[in-house]
Amino acid sequence: MKGAKNKDKASWWYLLFLVQFLVILWPPLYNKIDPTLFGMPFFYWFQLLWVLVSAVITAVVYWATEG
């Protein structure tokens, strides 16, 4: 029975994957030029930032659900 509780608890961590998916799936959120970062339009640097954020989220979910 302990494994069933652990699985149920872990399922909430997987909702973080939904957050990263929905942010990138909704282009009106980041479809603009300003603000620029080192001359790079917001549209590009926001997506590159989310690559790093997604890696961190994936690591957090992995460590939280491991075991």
Protein backbone atom coordinates (compact mmCIF):
# COMPACT_ATOMS: atom_id res chain seq x y z
CA MET A 1 0.00 0.00 0.00
CA LYS A 2 2.87 2.37 0.61
CA GLY A 3 3.78 2.27 -3.09
CA ALA A 4 0.26 3.33 -4.08
CA LYS A 5 0.46 6.42 -1.86
CA ASN A 6 3.87 7.28 -3.27
CA LYS A 7 2.54 7.00 -6.84
CA ASP A 8 -0.43 9.23 -6.04
CA LYS A 9 1.82 11.85 -4.45
CA ALA A 10 4.20 11.79 -7.42
CA SER A 11 1.44 12.44 -9.93
CA TRP A 12 1.08 16.05 -8.76
CA TRP A 13 4.70 16.77 -9.68
CA TYR A 14 3.97 15.85 -13.29
CA LEU A 15 1.67 18.86 -13.59
CA LEU A 16 4.81 20.99 -13.83
CA PHE A 17 5.34 19.46 -17.28
CA LEU A 18 1.94 20.83 -18.25
CA VAL A 19 3.02 24.34 -17.27
CA GLN A 20 6.09 24.29 -19.51
CA PHE A 21 4.06 22.81 -22.35
CA LEU A 22 1.28 25.40 -22.14
CA VAL A 23 3.62 28.39 -21.97
CA ILE A 24 5.36 27.46 -25.22
CA LEU A 25 2.11 26.34 -26.84
CA TRP A 26 0.57 29.82 -26.44
CA PRO A 27 2.53 32.12 -28.85
CA PRO A 28 0.51 35.30 -28.17
CA LEU A 29 2.30 35.35 -24.81
CA TYR A 30 5.70 35.89 -26.40
CA ASN A 31 4.99 36.98 -29.99
CA LYS A 32 6.58 40.44 -29.77
CA ILE A 33 9.87 42.15 -30.42
CA ASP A 34 10.37 44.22 -27.27
CA PRO A 35 12.07 43.91 -24.86
CA THR A 36 15.24 42.89 -26.62
CA LEU A 37 18.15 41.18 -24.91
CA PHE A 38 21.58 41.86 -26.44
CA GLY A 39 19.80 42.81 -29.67
CA MET A 40 17.80 39.57 -29.76
CA PRO A 41 14.02 40.03 -30.03
CA PHE A 42 11.86 38.82 -27.15
CA PHE A 43 10.32 36.11 -29.36
CA TYR A 44 13.65 34.31 -29.62
CA TRP A 45 15.22 34.84 -26.23
CA PHE A 46 12.02 33.87 -24.40
CA GLN A 47 11.99 30.51 -26.16
CA LEU A 48 15.67 29.97 -25.42
CA LEU A 49 15.04 30.84 -21.78
CA TRP A 50 12.28 28.24 -21.64
CA VAL A 51 14.71 25.58 -22.83
CA LEU A 52 16.68 26.21 -19.63
CA VAL A 53 13.56 26.54 -17.47
CA SER A 54 12.24 23.27 -18.90
CA ALA A 55 15.50 21.52 -18.06
CA VAL A 56 15.25 22.76 -14.47
CA ILE A 57 11.59 21.71 -14.22
CA THR A 58 12.43 18.28 -15.61
CA ALA A 59 15.23 17.87 -13.06
CA VAL A 60 12.96 18.94 -10.20
CA VAL A 61 10.26 16.47 -11.24
CA TYR A 62 12.81 13.71 -11.62
CA TRP A 63 14.30 14.28 -8.17
CA ALA A 64 10.88 14.70 -6.56
CA THR A 65 9.46 11.49 -8.04
CA GLU A 66 12.59 9.31 -7.82
CA GLY A 67 12.30 6.52 -5.35
